[in-house]
Amino acid sequence: MEKFYCEHCRLLYNEEGSCKVCGSAAGKKIIINVQAQELSSDKSKE
């Protein structure tokens, strides 16, 4: 998942643009990798 953020406010946006809070450029790119994780309570039911 690719997101952009405002360096000043640290808010995430889906696309590059200007920050809705401070008006600065939200052009810094960050890549987020999401992984699934099993809950430990599910293992105790076995």
C-alpha atoms as a PDB file:
ATOM      1  CA  MET A   1       0.000   0.000   0.000  1.00  0.00           C
ATOM      2  CA  GLU A   2       1.422   3.376  -0.989  1.00  0.00           C
ATOM      3  CA  LYS A   3       0.568   6.522   1.002  1.00  0.00           C
ATOM      4  CA  PHE A   4       1.779  10.111   1.063  1.00  0.00           C
ATOM      5  CA  TYR A   5       2.242  12.224   4.171  1.00  0.00           C
ATOM      6  CA  CYS A   6       2.715  15.801   5.291  1.00  0.00           C
ATOM      7  CA  GLU A   7       6.143  16.096   6.893  1.00  0.00           C
ATOM      8  CA  HIS A   8       4.911  18.784   9.307  1.00  0.00           C
ATOM      9  CA  CYS A   9       1.579  17.274  10.469  1.00  0.00           C
ATOM     10  CA  ARG A  10       2.406  13.578   9.857  1.00  0.00           C
ATOM     11  CA  LEU A  11      -1.052  12.970   8.338  1.00  0.00           C
ATOM     12  CA  LEU A  12      -1.476  10.226   5.711  1.00  0.00           C
ATOM     13  CA  TYR A  13      -3.121  10.782   2.323  1.00  0.00           C
ATOM     14  CA  ASN A  14      -3.968   8.384  -0.510  1.00  0.00           C
ATOM     15  CA  GLU A  15      -2.528  10.660  -3.184  1.00  0.00           C
ATOM     16  CA  GLU A  16       0.110  13.355  -3.460  1.00  0.00           C
ATOM     17  CA  GLY A  17      -1.191  16.880  -2.884  1.00  0.00           C
ATOM     18  CA  SER A  18      -1.379  19.564  -0.226  1.00  0.00           C
ATOM     19  CA  CYS A  19      -2.075  18.984   3.460  1.00  0.00           C
ATOM     20  CA  LYS A  20      -5.645  19.825   4.476  1.00  0.00           C
ATOM     21  CA  VAL A  21      -4.457  21.070   7.894  1.00  0.00           C
ATOM     22  CA  CYS A  22      -1.408  23.256   7.275  1.00  0.00           C
ATOM     23  CA  GLY A  23      -1.366  23.614   3.469  1.00  0.00           C
ATOM     24  CA  SER A  24       2.165  22.227   3.053  1.00  0.00           C
ATOM     25  CA  ALA A  25       2.941  19.705   0.340  1.00  0.00           C
ATOM     26  CA  ALA A  26       1.994  16.131   1.251  1.00  0.00           C
ATOM     27  CA  GLY A  27       4.507  14.602  -1.122  1.00  0.00           C
ATOM     28  CA  LYS A  28       6.636  12.310   1.026  1.00  0.00           C
ATOM     29  CA  LYS A  29       5.960   8.705   0.016  1.00  0.00           C
ATOM     30  CA  ILE A  30       5.669   5.790   2.433  1.00  0.00           C
ATOM     31  CA  ILE A  31       5.012   2.143   1.575  1.00  0.00           C
ATOM     32  CA  ILE A  32       2.968   0.132   4.077  1.00  0.00           C
ATOM     33  CA  ASN A  33       3.012  -3.672   4.031  1.00  0.00           C
ATOM     34  CA  VAL A  34       0.027  -5.241   5.794  1.00  0.00           C
ATOM     35  CA  GLN A  35       0.297  -8.797   7.100  1.00  0.00           C
ATOM     36  CA  ALA A  36      -2.346 -11.036   8.667  1.00  0.00           C
ATOM     37  CA  GLN A  37      -1.723 -12.363  12.164  1.00  0.00           C
ATOM     38  CA  GLU A  38      -3.461 -15.204  13.997  1.00  0.00           C
ATOM     39  CA  LEU A  39      -4.920 -14.418  17.388  1.00  0.00           C
ATOM     40  CA  SER A  40      -3.388 -16.380  20.260  1.00  0.00           C
ATOM     41  CA  SER A  41      -6.894 -17.175  21.608  1.00  0.00           C
ATOM     42  CA  ASP A  42      -7.604 -19.190  18.424  1.00  0.00           C
ATOM     43  CA  LYS A  43      -4.674 -21.517  19.176  1.00  0.00           C
ATOM     44  CA  SER A  44      -5.970 -22.344  22.666  1.00  0.00           C
ATOM     45  CA  LYS A  45      -9.228 -23.746  21.211  1.00  0.00           C
ATOM     46  CA  GLU A  46      -7.398 -26.628  19.462  1.00  0.00           C
END
